[in-house]
């Protein structure tokens, strides 16, 4: 679930970055169909859901404290930073940076899962 949601967020961010080219090519992505602002709100919504869901495996004792620590120290703060940065700067340069941070965060999150087992 973690990998799916973080990848979904990253794909939407990448589509936001490519919105002008997608419009010119007639490619129907979420940002093209519903607009940049709604795509941004979708990213925020899915990110908040992901942050909440990262707590679940620890609460139900699926993963150990190592998982919780990595998630709370690295993964979730980075997700919050991504939301903040998305509202501070709509530029393609920033969107590209956020896409790369999401990729890094996916690796950190998967490492948390590995450490928590």
PDB file of N, CA and C in Angstrom:
ATOM      1  N   UNK A   1       0.834  -1.186   0.000  1.00  0.00           N
ATOM      2  CA  UNK A   1       0.000   0.000   0.000  1.00  0.00           C
ATOM      3  C   UNK A   1       0.880   1.251   0.000  1.00  0.00           C
ATOM      4  N   UNK A   2       1.955   1.207   0.810  1.00  0.00           N
ATOM      5  CA  UNK A   2       2.867   2.347   0.876  1.00  0.00           C
ATOM      6  C   UNK A   2       3.448   2.656  -0.501  1.00  0.00           C
ATOM      7  N   UNK A   3       3.985   1.636  -1.156  1.00  0.00           N
ATOM      8  CA  UNK A   3       4.619   1.832  -2.464  1.00  0.00           C
ATOM      9  C   UNK A   3       3.608   2.337  -3.488  1.00  0.00           C
ATOM     10  N   UNK A   4       2.399   1.806  -3.450  1.00  0.00           N
ATOM     11  CA  UNK A   4       1.361   2.244  -4.388  1.00  0.00           C
ATOM     12  C   UNK A   4       1.029   3.723  -4.189  1.00  0.00           C
ATOM     13  N   UNK A   5       0.770   4.124  -2.950  1.00  0.00           N
ATOM     14  CA  UNK A   5       0.350   5.505  -2.698  1.00  0.00           C
ATOM     15  C   UNK A   5       1.460   6.509  -2.974  1.00  0.00           C
ATOM     16  N   UNK A   6       2.684   6.191  -2.569  1.00  0.00           N
ATOM     17  CA  UNK A   6       3.762   7.147  -2.804  1.00  0.00           C
ATOM     18  C   UNK A   6       4.074   7.245  -4.299  1.00  0.00           C
ATOM     19  N   UNK A   7       3.922   6.132  -5.007  1.00  0.00           N
ATOM     20  CA  UNK A   7       4.133   6.159  -6.451  1.00  0.00           C
ATOM     21  C   UNK A   7       3.004   6.932  -7.141  1.00  0.00           C
ATOM     22  N   UNK A   8       1.770   6.795  -6.662  1.00  0.00           N
ATOM     23  CA  UNK A   8       0.646   7.553  -7.196  1.00  0.00           C
ATOM     24  C   UNK A   8       0.894   9.056  -7.027  1.00  0.00           C
ATOM     25  N   UNK A   9       1.334   9.449  -5.843  1.00  0.00           N
ATOM     26  CA  UNK A   9       1.645  10.859  -5.591  1.00  0.00           C
ATOM     27  C   UNK A   9       2.716  11.330  -6.562  1.00  0.00           C
ATOM     28  N   UNK A  10       3.763  10.553  -6.715  1.00  0.00           N
ATOM     29  CA  UNK A  10       4.863  10.925  -7.615  1.00  0.00           C
ATOM     30  C   UNK A  10       4.390  11.049  -9.065  1.00  0.00           C
ATOM     31  N   UNK A  11       3.553  10.136  -9.493  1.00  0.00           N
ATOM     32  CA  UNK A  11       3.056  10.200 -10.869  1.00  0.00           C
ATOM     33  C   UNK A  11       2.207  11.455 -11.105  1.00  0.00           C
ATOM     34  N   UNK A  12       1.401  11.826 -10.134  1.00  0.00           N
ATOM     35  CA  UNK A  12       0.591  13.041 -10.281  1.00  0.00           C
ATOM     36  C   UNK A  12       1.504  14.268 -10.330  1.00  0.00           C
ATOM     37  N   UNK A  13       2.520  14.294  -9.464  1.00  0.00           N
ATOM     38  CA  UNK A  13       3.479  15.409  -9.476  1.00  0.00           C
ATOM     39  C   UNK A  13       4.184  15.478 -10.823  1.00  0.00           C
ATOM     40  N   UNK A  14       4.599  14.348 -11.359  1.00  0.00           N
ATOM     41  CA  UNK A  14       5.240  14.330 -12.679  1.00  0.00           C
ATOM     42  C   UNK A  14       4.282  14.810 -13.764  1.00  0.00           C
ATOM     43  N   UNK A  15       3.002  14.423 -13.666  1.00  0.00           N
ATOM     44  CA  UNK A  15       2.008  14.908 -14.633  1.00  0.00           C
ATOM     45  C   UNK A  15       1.806  16.412 -14.505  1.00  0.00           C
ATOM     46  N   UNK A  16       1.879  16.931 -13.286  1.00  0.00           N
ATOM     47  CA  UNK A  16       1.773  18.377 -13.082  1.00  0.00           C
ATOM     48  C   UNK A  16       2.957  19.081 -13.739  1.00  0.00           C
ATOM     49  N   UNK A  17       4.120  18.476 -13.630  1.00  0.00           N
ATOM     50  CA  UNK A  17       5.329  19.030 -14.241  1.00  0.00           C
ATOM     51  C   UNK A  17       5.210  19.056 -15.765  1.00  0.00           C
ATOM     52  N   UNK A  18       4.581  18.052 -16.328  1.00  0.00           N
ATOM     53  CA  UNK A  18       4.492  17.906 -17.789  1.00  0.00           C
ATOM     54  C   UNK A  18       3.177  18.423 -18.375  1.00  0.00           C
ATOM     55  N   UNK A  19       2.407  19.199 -17.624  1.00  0.00           N
ATOM     56  CA  UNK A  19       1.057  19.570 -18.045  1.00  0.00           C
ATOM     57  C   UNK A  19       1.023  20.280 -19.400  1.00  0.00           C
ATOM     58  N   UNK A  20       1.934  21.202 -19.645  1.00  0.00           N
ATOM     59  CA  UNK A  20       1.908  21.947 -20.904  1.00  0.00           C
ATOM     60  C   UNK A  20       2.192  21.037 -22.098  1.00  0.00           C
ATOM     61  N   UNK A  21       3.194  20.198 -21.977  1.00  0.00           N
ATOM     62  CA  UNK A  21       3.518  19.265 -23.057  1.00  0.00           C
ATOM     63  C   UNK A  21       2.407  18.258 -23.285  1.00  0.00           C
ATOM     64  N   UNK A  22       1.795  17.802 -22.203  1.00  0.00           N
ATOM     65  CA  UNK A  22       0.690  16.855 -22.327  1.00  0.00           C
ATOM     66  C   UNK A  22      -0.499  17.494 -23.030  1.00  0.00           C
ATOM     67  N   UNK A  23      -0.777  18.762 -22.713  1.00  0.00           N
ATOM     68  CA  UNK A  23      -1.868  19.475 -23.393  1.00  0.00           C
ATOM     69  C   UNK A  23      -1.584  19.582 -24.884  1.00  0.00           C
ATOM     70  N   UNK A  24      -0.354  19.938 -25.229  1.00  0.00           N
ATOM     71  CA  UNK A  24       0.020  20.091 -26.636  1.00  0.00           C
ATOM     72  C   UNK A  24      -0.065  18.776 -27.399  1.00  0.00           C
ATOM     73  N   UNK A  25       0.257  17.687 -26.717  1.00  0.00           N
ATOM     74  CA  UNK A  25       0.242  16.371 -27.357  1.00  0.00           C
ATOM     75  C   UNK A  25      -1.122  15.693 -27.275  1.00  0.00           C
ATOM     76  N   UNK A  26      -2.064  16.315 -26.573  1.00  0.00           N
ATOM     77  CA  UNK A  26      -3.393  15.728 -26.434  1.00  0.00           C
ATOM     78  C   UNK A  26      -3.436  14.548 -25.480  1.00  0.00           C
ATOM     79  N   UNK A  27      -2.493  14.504 -24.554  1.00  0.00           N
ATOM     80  CA  UNK A  27      -2.445  13.418 -23.575  1.00  0.00           C
ATOM     81  C   UNK A  27      -3.347  13.798 -22.405  1.00  0.00           C
ATOM     82  N   UNK A  28      -4.251  12.918 -22.065  1.00  0.00           N
ATOM     83  CA  UNK A  28      -5.277  13.207 -21.064  1.00  0.00           C
ATOM     84  C   UNK A  28      -4.855  12.708 -19.684  1.00  0.00           C
ATOM     85  N   UNK A  29      -4.139  13.547 -18.935  1.00  0.00           N
ATOM     86  CA  UNK A  29      -3.733  13.203 -17.578  1.00  0.00           C
ATOM     87  C   UNK A  29      -4.675  13.891 -16.590  1.00  0.00           C
ATOM     88  N   UNK A  30      -4.548  13.567 -15.327  1.00  0.00           N
ATOM     89  CA  UNK A  30      -5.401  14.193 -14.310  1.00  0.00           C
ATOM     90  C   UNK A  30      -5.244  15.718 -14.315  1.00  0.00           C
ATOM     91  N   UNK A  31      -4.020  16.248 -14.291  1.00  0.00           N
ATOM     92  CA  UNK A  31      -3.889  17.716 -14.313  1.00  0.00           C
ATOM     93  C   UNK A  31      -4.447  18.355 -15.586  1.00  0.00           C
ATOM     94  N   UNK A  32      -4.327  17.687 -16.711  1.00  0.00           N
ATOM     95  CA  UNK A  32      -4.884  18.220 -17.960  1.00  0.00           C
ATOM     96  C   UNK A  32      -6.410  18.225 -17.876  1.00  0.00           C
ATOM     97  N   UNK A  33      -6.988  17.155 -17.389  1.00  0.00           N
ATOM     98  CA  UNK A  33      -8.448  17.029 -17.337  1.00  0.00           C
ATOM     99  C   UNK A  33      -9.094  17.907 -16.272  1.00  0.00           C
ATOM    100  N   UNK A  34      -8.469  17.992 -15.089  1.00  0.00           N
ATOM    101  CA  UNK A  34      -9.114  18.660 -13.961  1.00  0.00           C
ATOM    102  C   UNK A  34      -8.420  19.937 -13.507  1.00  0.00           C
ATOM    103  N   UNK A  35      -7.258  20.206 -14.059  1.00  0.00           N
ATOM    104  CA  UNK A  35      -6.545  21.427 -13.722  1.00  0.00           C
ATOM    105  C   UNK A  35      -5.445  21.216 -12.698  1.00  0.00           C
ATOM    106  N   UNK A  36      -4.519  22.152 -12.711  1.00  0.00           N
ATOM    107  CA  UNK A  36      -3.349  22.102 -11.850  1.00  0.00           C
ATOM    108  C   UNK A  36      -3.742  22.170 -10.378  1.00  0.00           C
ATOM    109  N   UNK A  37      -4.667  23.072 -10.060  1.00  0.00           N
ATOM    110  CA  UNK A  37      -5.064  23.264  -8.661  1.00  0.00           C
ATOM    111  C   UNK A  37      -5.711  22.002  -8.080  1.00  0.00           C
ATOM    112  N   UNK A  38      -6.586  21.359  -8.845  1.00  0.00           N
ATOM    113  CA  UNK A  38      -7.226  20.131  -8.352  1.00  0.00           C
ATOM    114  C   UNK A  38      -6.208  18.999  -8.240  1.00  0.00           C
ATOM    115  N   UNK A  39      -5.244  18.973  -9.151  1.00  0.00           N
ATOM    116  CA  UNK A  39      -4.184  17.964  -9.061  1.00  0.00           C
ATOM    117  C   UNK A  39      -3.369  18.182  -7.786  1.00  0.00           C
ATOM    118  N   UNK A  40      -3.092  19.436  -7.474  1.00  0.00           N
ATOM    119  CA  UNK A  40      -2.366  19.756  -6.250  1.00  0.00           C
ATOM    120  C   UNK A  40      -3.156  19.301  -5.020  1.00  0.00           C
ATOM    121  N   UNK A  41      -4.455  19.533  -5.036  1.00  0.00           N
ATOM    122  CA  UNK A  41      -5.291  19.119  -3.905  1.00  0.00           C
ATOM    123  C   UNK A  41      -5.349  17.590  -3.790  1.00  0.00           C
ATOM    124  N   UNK A  42      -5.351  16.900  -4.922  1.00  0.00           N
ATOM    125  CA  UNK A  42      -5.323  15.439  -4.898  1.00  0.00           C
ATOM    126  C   UNK A  42      -4.018  14.940  -4.281  1.00  0.00           C
ATOM    127  N   UNK A  43      -2.905  15.574  -4.638  1.00  0.00           N
ATOM    128  CA  UNK A  43      -1.612  15.210  -4.057  1.00  0.00           C
ATOM    129  C   UNK A  43      -1.655  15.389  -2.541  1.00  0.00           C
ATOM    130  N   UNK A  44      -2.201  16.518  -2.098  1.00  0.00           N
ATOM    131  CA  UNK A  44      -2.294  16.777  -0.656  1.00  0.00           C
ATOM    132  C   UNK A  44      -3.166  15.719   0.021  1.00  0.00           C
ATOM    133  N   UNK A  45      -4.313  15.426  -0.553  1.00  0.00           N
ATOM    134  CA  UNK A  45      -5.228  14.440   0.031  1.00  0.00           C
ATOM    135  C   UNK A  45      -4.574  13.062   0.134  1.00  0.00           C
ATOM    136  N   UNK A  46      -3.996  12.590  -0.961  1.00  0.00           N
ATOM    137  CA  UNK A  46      -3.384  11.251  -0.957  1.00  0.00           C
ATOM    138  C   UNK A  46      -2.186  11.222  -0.005  1.00  0.00           C
ATOM    139  N   UNK A  47      -1.448  12.319   0.069  1.00  0.00           N
ATOM    140  CA  UNK A  47      -0.301  12.378   0.975  1.00  0.00           C
ATOM    141  C   UNK A  47      -0.753  12.305   2.431  1.00  0.00           C
ATOM    142  N   UNK A  48      -1.815  13.006   2.775  1.00  0.00           N
ATOM    143  CA  UNK A  48      -2.340  12.947   4.145  1.00  0.00           C
ATOM    144  C   UNK A  48      -2.830  11.535   4.469  1.00  0.00           C
ATOM    145  N   UNK A  49      -3.509  10.914   3.517  1.00  0.00           N
ATOM    146  CA  UNK A  49      -3.949   9.525   3.712  1.00  0.00           C
ATOM    147  C   UNK A  49      -2.734   8.625   3.933  1.00  0.00           C
ATOM    148  N   UNK A  50      -1.694   8.825   3.150  1.00  0.00           N
ATOM    149  CA  UNK A  50      -0.482   8.015   3.291  1.00  0.00           C
ATOM    150  C   UNK A  50       0.150   8.217   4.667  1.00  0.00           C
ATOM    151  N   UNK A  51       0.234   9.454   5.123  1.00  0.00           N
ATOM    152  CA  UNK A  51       0.817   9.727   6.439  1.00  0.00           C
ATOM    153  C   UNK A  51       0.020   8.991   7.519  1.00  0.00           C
ATOM    154  N   UNK A  52      -1.280   9.059   7.440  1.00  0.00           N
ATOM    155  CA  UNK A  52      -2.119   8.375   8.426  1.00  0.00           C
ATOM    156  C   UNK A  52      -1.911   6.861   8.349  1.00  0.00           C
ATOM    157  N   UNK A  53      -1.867   6.336   7.135  1.00  0.00           N
ATOM    158  CA  UNK A  53      -1.720   4.883   6.971  1.00  0.00           C
ATOM    159  C   UNK A  53      -0.347   4.369   7.393  1.00  0.00           C
ATOM    160  N   UNK A  54       0.667   5.237   7.409  1.00  0.00           N
ATOM    161  CA  UNK A  54       1.993   4.773   7.845  1.00  0.00           C
ATOM    162  C   UNK A  54       1.991   4.413   9.329  1.00  0.00           C
ATOM    163  N   UNK A  55       1.036   4.945  10.071  1.00  0.00           N
ATOM    164  CA  UNK A  55       0.963   4.647  11.503  1.00  0.00           C
ATOM    165  C   UNK A  55       0.327   3.282  11.770  1.00  0.00           C
ATOM    166  N   UNK A  56      -0.556   2.866  10.900  1.00  0.00           N
ATOM    167  CA  UNK A  56      -1.332   1.639  11.103  1.00  0.00           C
ATOM    168  C   UNK A  56      -0.477   0.396  11.369  1.00  0.00           C
ATOM    169  N   UNK A  57       0.543   0.093  10.553  1.00  0.00           N
ATOM    170  CA  UNK A  57       1.300  -1.147  10.788  1.00  0.00           C
ATOM    171  C   UNK A  57       1.962  -1.206  12.164  1.00  0.00           C
ATOM    172  N   UNK A  58       2.362  -0.061  12.684  1.00  0.00           N
ATOM    173  CA  UNK A  58       2.972  -0.047  14.008  1.00  0.00           C
ATOM    174  C   UNK A  58       1.910  -0.224  15.093  1.00  0.00           C
ATOM    175  N   UNK A  59       0.787   0.444  14.930  1.00  0.00           N
ATOM    176  CA  UNK A  59      -0.287   0.372  15.922  1.00  0.00           C
ATOM    177  C   UNK A  59      -0.811  -1.058  16.074  1.00  0.00           C
ATOM    178  N   UNK A  60      -0.936  -1.765  14.963  1.00  0.00           N
ATOM    179  CA  UNK A  60      -1.442  -3.151  15.032  1.00  0.00           C
ATOM    180  C   UNK A  60      -0.312  -4.173  15.227  1.00  0.00           C
ATOM    181  N   UNK A  61       0.876  -3.654  15.516  1.00  0.00           N
ATOM    182  CA  UNK A  61       2.048  -4.485  15.822  1.00  0.00           C
ATOM    183  C   UNK A  61       2.479  -5.384  14.655  1.00  0.00           C
ATOM    184  N   UNK A  62       2.274  -4.884  13.459  1.00  0.00           N
ATOM    185  CA  UNK A  62       2.749  -5.586  12.272  1.00  0.00           C
ATOM    186  C   UNK A  62       4.262  -5.387  12.122  1.00  0.00           C
ATOM    187  N   UNK A  63       4.727  -4.177  12.480  1.00  0.00           N
ATOM    188  CA  UNK A  63       6.156  -3.849  12.399  1.00  0.00           C
ATOM    189  C   UNK A  63       6.659  -3.372  13.755  1.00  0.00           C
ATOM    190  N   UNK A  64       7.950  -3.512  13.939  1.00  0.00           N
ATOM    191  CA  UNK A  64       8.602  -3.153  15.200  1.00  0.00           C
ATOM    192  C   UNK A  64       8.878  -1.652  15.281  1.00  0.00           C
ATOM    193  N   UNK A  65       9.465  -1.264  16.383  1.00  0.00           N
ATOM    194  CA  UNK A  65       9.758   0.144  16.668  1.00  0.00           C
ATOM    195  C   UNK A  65      10.695   0.762  15.622  1.00  0.00           C
ATOM    196  N   UNK A  66      11.571  -0.042  15.028  1.00  0.00           N
ATOM    197  CA  UNK A  66      12.492   0.484  14.008  1.00  0.00           C
ATOM    198  C   UNK A  66      11.714   1.082  12.841  1.00  0.00           C
ATOM    199  N   UNK A  67      10.650   0.419  12.446  1.00  0.00           N
ATOM    200  CA  UNK A  67       9.784   0.933  11.389  1.00  0.00           C
ATOM    201  C   UNK A  67       9.224   2.296  11.803  1.00  0.00           C
ATOM    202  N   UNK A  68       8.657   2.347  12.985  1.00  0.00           N
ATOM    203  CA  UNK A  68       8.021   3.569  13.478  1.00  0.00           C
ATOM    204  C   UNK A  68       9.015   4.726  13.523  1.00  0.00           C
ATOM    205  N   UNK A  69      10.207   4.463  14.011  1.00  0.00           N
ATOM    206  CA  UNK A  69      11.213   5.517  14.117  1.00  0.00           C
ATOM    207  C   UNK A  69      11.607   6.063  12.751  1.00  0.00           C
ATOM    208  N   UNK A  70      11.872   5.190  11.808  1.00  0.00           N
ATOM    209  CA  UNK A  70      12.266   5.641  10.470  1.00  0.00           C
ATOM    210  C   UNK A  70      11.124   6.423   9.812  1.00  0.00           C
ATOM    211  N   UNK A  71       9.905   5.936   9.967  1.00  0.00           N
ATOM    212  CA  UNK A  71       8.744   6.610   9.382  1.00  0.00           C
ATOM    213  C   UNK A  71       8.541   7.988  10.009  1.00  0.00           C
ATOM    214  N   UNK A  72       8.640   8.066  11.328  1.00  0.00           N
ATOM    215  CA  UNK A  72       8.369   9.330  12.023  1.00  0.00           C
ATOM    216  C   UNK A  72       9.517  10.337  11.907  1.00  0.00           C
ATOM    217  N   UNK A  73      10.740   9.853  11.740  1.00  0.00           N
ATOM    218  CA  UNK A  73      11.891  10.765  11.653  1.00  0.00           C
ATOM    219  C   UNK A  73      12.186  11.178  10.217  1.00  0.00           C
ATOM    220  N   UNK A  74      11.966  10.274   9.261  1.00  0.00           N
ATOM    221  CA  UNK A  74      12.348  10.562   7.878  1.00  0.00           C
ATOM    222  C   UNK A  74      11.159  10.646   6.917  1.00  0.00           C
ATOM    223  N   UNK A  75      10.362   9.592   6.852  1.00  0.00           N
ATOM    224  CA  UNK A  75       9.335   9.481   5.815  1.00  0.00           C
ATOM    225  C   UNK A  75       8.261  10.556   5.954  1.00  0.00           C
ATOM    226  N   UNK A  76       7.604  10.615   7.096  1.00  0.00           N
ATOM    227  CA  UNK A  76       6.495  11.562   7.247  1.00  0.00           C
ATOM    228  C   UNK A  76       6.931  13.022   7.232  1.00  0.00           C
ATOM    229  N   UNK A  77       8.053  13.391   7.885  1.00  0.00           N
ATOM    230  CA  UNK A  77       8.490  14.785   7.753  1.00  0.00           C
ATOM    231  C   UNK A  77       8.791  15.179   6.300  1.00  0.00           C
ATOM    232  N   UNK A  78       9.339  14.246   5.542  1.00  0.00           N
ATOM    233  CA  UNK A  78       9.607  14.544   4.139  1.00  0.00           C
ATOM    234  C   UNK A  78       8.302  14.707   3.353  1.00  0.00           C
ATOM    235  N   UNK A  79       7.298  13.914   3.679  1.00  0.00           N
ATOM    236  CA  UNK A  79       5.988  14.068   3.035  1.00  0.00           C
ATOM    237  C   UNK A  79       5.364  15.424   3.374  1.00  0.00           C
ATOM    238  N   UNK A  80       5.495  15.856   4.619  1.00  0.00           N
ATOM    239  CA  UNK A  80       4.988  17.174   5.019  1.00  0.00           C
ATOM    240  C   UNK A  80       5.747  18.269   4.273  1.00  0.00           C
ATOM    241  N   UNK A  81       7.062  18.122   4.170  1.00  0.00           N
ATOM    242  CA  UNK A  81       7.869  19.086   3.418  1.00  0.00           C
ATOM    243  C   UNK A  81       7.408  19.165   1.966  1.00  0.00           C
ATOM    244  N   UNK A  82       7.110  18.026   1.373  1.00  0.00           N
ATOM    245  CA  UNK A  82       6.673  17.999  -0.030  1.00  0.00           C
ATOM    246  C   UNK A  82       5.369  18.768  -0.190  1.00  0.00           C
ATOM    247  N   UNK A  83       4.417  18.591   0.729  1.00  0.00           N
ATOM    248  CA  UNK A  83       3.158  19.341   0.663  1.00  0.00           C
ATOM    249  C   UNK A  83       3.437  20.841   0.772  1.00  0.00           C
ATOM    250  N   UNK A  84       4.250  21.227   1.747  1.00  0.00           N
ATOM    251  CA  UNK A  84       4.568  22.642   1.949  1.00  0.00           C
ATOM    252  C   UNK A  84       5.247  23.223   0.710  1.00  0.00           C
ATOM    253  N   UNK A  85       6.216  22.512   0.195  1.00  0.00           N
ATOM    254  CA  UNK A  85       6.960  22.982  -0.971  1.00  0.00           C
ATOM    255  C   UNK A  85       6.065  23.095  -2.200  1.00  0.00           C
ATOM    256  N   UNK A  86       5.118  22.206  -2.319  1.00  0.00           N
ATOM    257  CA  UNK A  86       4.179  22.237  -3.444  1.00  0.00           C
ATOM    258  C   UNK A  86       3.363  23.523  -3.435  1.00  0.00           C
ATOM    259  N   UNK A  87       3.019  24.014  -2.250  1.00  0.00           N
ATOM    260  CA  UNK A  87       2.256  25.253  -2.145  1.00  0.00           C
ATOM    261  C   UNK A  87       3.140  26.488  -2.255  1.00  0.00           C
ATOM    262  N   UNK A  88       4.420  26.349  -1.919  1.00  0.00           N
ATOM    263  CA  UNK A  88       5.335  27.492  -1.980  1.00  0.00           C
ATOM    264  C   UNK A  88       5.843  27.771  -3.387  1.00  0.00           C
ATOM    265  N   UNK A  89       5.943  26.734  -4.218  1.00  0.00           N
ATOM    266  CA  UNK A  89       6.600  26.901  -5.522  1.00  0.00           C
ATOM    267  C   UNK A  89       5.994  25.928  -6.539  1.00  0.00           C
ATOM    268  N   UNK A  90       5.298  26.480  -7.534  1.00  0.00           N
ATOM    269  CA  UNK A  90       4.669  25.676  -8.590  1.00  0.00           C
ATOM    270  C   UNK A  90       5.578  25.426  -9.792  1.00  0.00           C
ATOM    271  N   UNK A  91       6.820  25.882  -9.717  1.00  0.00           N
ATOM    272  CA  UNK A  91       7.696  25.807 -10.891  1.00  0.00           C
ATOM    273  C   UNK A  91       8.019  24.361 -11.265  1.00  0.00           C
ATOM    274  N   UNK A  92       8.332  24.175 -12.539  1.00  0.00           N
ATOM    275  CA  UNK A  92       8.713  22.845 -13.016  1.00  0.00           C
ATOM    276  C   UNK A  92       9.970  22.348 -12.320  1.00  0.00           C
ATOM    277  N   UNK A  93      10.883  23.276 -12.020  1.00  0.00           N
ATOM    278  CA  UNK A  93      12.114  22.893 -11.326  1.00  0.00           C
ATOM    279  C   UNK A  93      11.775  22.301  -9.960  1.00  0.00           C
ATOM    280  N   UNK A  94      10.876  22.931  -9.232  1.00  0.00           N
ATOM    281  CA  UNK A  94      10.481  22.423  -7.919  1.00  0.00           C
ATOM    282  C   UNK A  94       9.709  21.112  -8.039  1.00  0.00           C
ATOM    283  N   UNK A  95       8.820  21.017  -9.013  1.00  0.00           N
ATOM    284  CA  UNK A  95       8.067  19.776  -9.201  1.00  0.00           C
ATOM    285  C   UNK A  95       9.002  18.614  -9.500  1.00  0.00           C
ATOM    286  N   UNK A  96      10.043  18.879 -10.296  1.00  0.00           N
ATOM    287  CA  UNK A  96      11.037  17.841 -10.589  1.00  0.00           C
ATOM    288  C   UNK A  96      11.780  17.437  -9.326  1.00  0.00           C
ATOM    289  N   UNK A  97      12.125  18.416  -8.505  1.00  0.00           N
ATOM    290  CA  UNK A  97      12.805  18.135  -7.231  1.00  0.00           C
ATOM    291  C   UNK A  97      11.899  17.289  -6.329  1.00  0.00           C
ATOM    292  N   UNK A  98      10.616  17.644  -6.266  1.00  0.00           N
ATOM    293  CA  UNK A  98       9.678  16.896  -5.424  1.00  0.00           C
ATOM    294  C   UNK A  98       9.509  15.465  -5.926  1.00  0.00           C
ATOM    295  N   UNK A  99       9.480  15.290  -7.229  1.00  0.00           N
ATOM    296  CA  UNK A  99       9.385  13.947  -7.806  1.00  0.00           C
ATOM    297  C   UNK A  99      10.576  13.101  -7.376  1.00  0.00           C
ATOM    298  N   UNK A 100      11.760  13.691  -7.408  1.00  0.00           N
ATOM    299  CA  UNK A 100      12.963  12.965  -6.982  1.00  0.00           C
ATOM    300  C   UNK A 100      12.949  12.683  -5.484  1.00  0.00           C
ATOM    301  N   UNK A 101      12.452  13.633  -4.693  1.00  0.00           N
ATOM    302  CA  UNK A 101      12.345  13.411  -3.248  1.00  0.00           C
ATOM    303  C   UNK A 101      11.358  12.288  -2.940  1.00  0.00           C
ATOM    304  N   UNK A 102      10.294  12.212  -3.706  1.00  0.00           N
ATOM    305  CA  UNK A 102       9.324  11.134  -3.519  1.00  0.00           C
ATOM    306  C   UNK A 102       9.951   9.781  -3.835  1.00  0.00           C
ATOM    307  N   UNK A 103      10.785   9.757  -4.843  1.00  0.00           N
ATOM    308  CA  UNK A 103      11.488   8.518  -5.192  1.00  0.00           C
ATOM    309  C   UNK A 103      12.415   8.104  -4.033  1.00  0.00           C
ATOM    310  N   UNK A 104      13.146   9.066  -3.503  1.00  0.00           N
ATOM    311  CA  UNK A 104      14.019   8.806  -2.360  1.00  0.00           C
ATOM    312  C   UNK A 104      13.195   8.355  -1.157  1.00  0.00           C
ATOM    313  N   UNK A 105      12.072   9.015  -0.928  1.00  0.00           N
ATOM    314  CA  UNK A 105      11.224   8.682   0.209  1.00  0.00           C
ATOM    315  C   UNK A 105      10.651   7.269   0.077  1.00  0.00           C
ATOM    316  N   UNK A 106      10.422   6.831  -1.144  1.00  0.00           N
ATOM    317  CA  UNK A 106       9.939   5.464  -1.347  1.00  0.00           C
ATOM    318  C   UNK A 106      10.996   4.473  -0.869  1.00  0.00           C
ATOM    319  N   UNK A 107      12.243   4.741  -1.197  1.00  0.00           N
ATOM    320  CA  UNK A 107      13.331   3.864  -0.768  1.00  0.00           C
ATOM    321  C   UNK A 107      13.444   3.879   0.760  1.00  0.00           C
ATOM    322  N   UNK A 108      13.340   5.057   1.362  1.00  0.00           N
ATOM    323  CA  UNK A 108      13.416   5.164   2.819  1.00  0.00           C
ATOM    324  C   UNK A 108      12.254   4.399   3.459  1.00  0.00           C
ATOM    325  N   UNK A 109      11.070   4.547   2.914  1.00  0.00           N
ATOM    326  CA  UNK A 109       9.899   3.853   3.448  1.00  0.00           C
ATOM    327  C   UNK A 109      10.017   2.346   3.337  1.00  0.00           C
ATOM    328  N   UNK A 110      10.504   1.876   2.216  1.00  0.00           N
ATOM    329  CA  UNK A 110      10.689   0.434   2.053  1.00  0.00           C
ATOM    330  C   UNK A 110      11.776  -0.080   2.996  1.00  0.00           C
ATOM    331  N   UNK A 111      12.779   0.758   3.242  1.00  0.00           N
ATOM    332  CA  UNK A 111      13.814   0.400   4.225  1.00  0.00           C
ATOM    333  C   UNK A 111      13.201   0.306   5.622  1.00  0.00           C
ATOM    334  N   UNK A 112      12.293   1.220   5.940  1.00  0.00           N
ATOM    335  CA  UNK A 112      11.608   1.179   7.240  1.00  0.00           C
ATOM    336  C   UNK A 112      10.850  -0.127   7.404  1.00  0.00           C
ATOM    337  N   UNK A 113      10.176  -0.543   6.342  1.00  0.00           N
ATOM    338  CA  UNK A 113       9.436  -1.807   6.388  1.00  0.00           C
ATOM    339  C   UNK A 113      10.389  -2.969   6.612  1.00  0.00           C
ATOM    340  N   UNK A 114      11.512  -2.956   5.904  1.00  0.00           N
ATOM    341  CA  UNK A 114      12.508  -4.018   6.057  1.00  0.00           C
ATOM    342  C   UNK A 114      13.060  -4.051   7.488  1.00  0.00           C
ATOM    343  N   UNK A 115      13.373  -2.879   8.030  1.00  0.00           N
ATOM    344  CA  UNK A 115      13.934  -2.807   9.382  1.00  0.00           C
ATOM    345  C   UNK A 115      12.928  -3.188  10.455  1.00  0.00           C
ATOM    346  N   UNK A 116      11.667  -2.941  10.170  1.00  0.00           N
ATOM    347  CA  UNK A 116      10.620  -3.207  11.154  1.00  0.00           C
ATOM    348  C   UNK A 116      10.175  -4.645  11.249  1.00  0.00           C
ATOM    349  N   UNK A 117      10.600  -5.471  10.327  1.00  0.00           N
ATOM    350  CA  UNK A 117      10.162  -6.886  10.340  1.00  0.00           C
ATOM    351  C   UNK A 117      10.909  -7.684  11.359  1.00  0.00           C
TER     352      UNK A 117
END
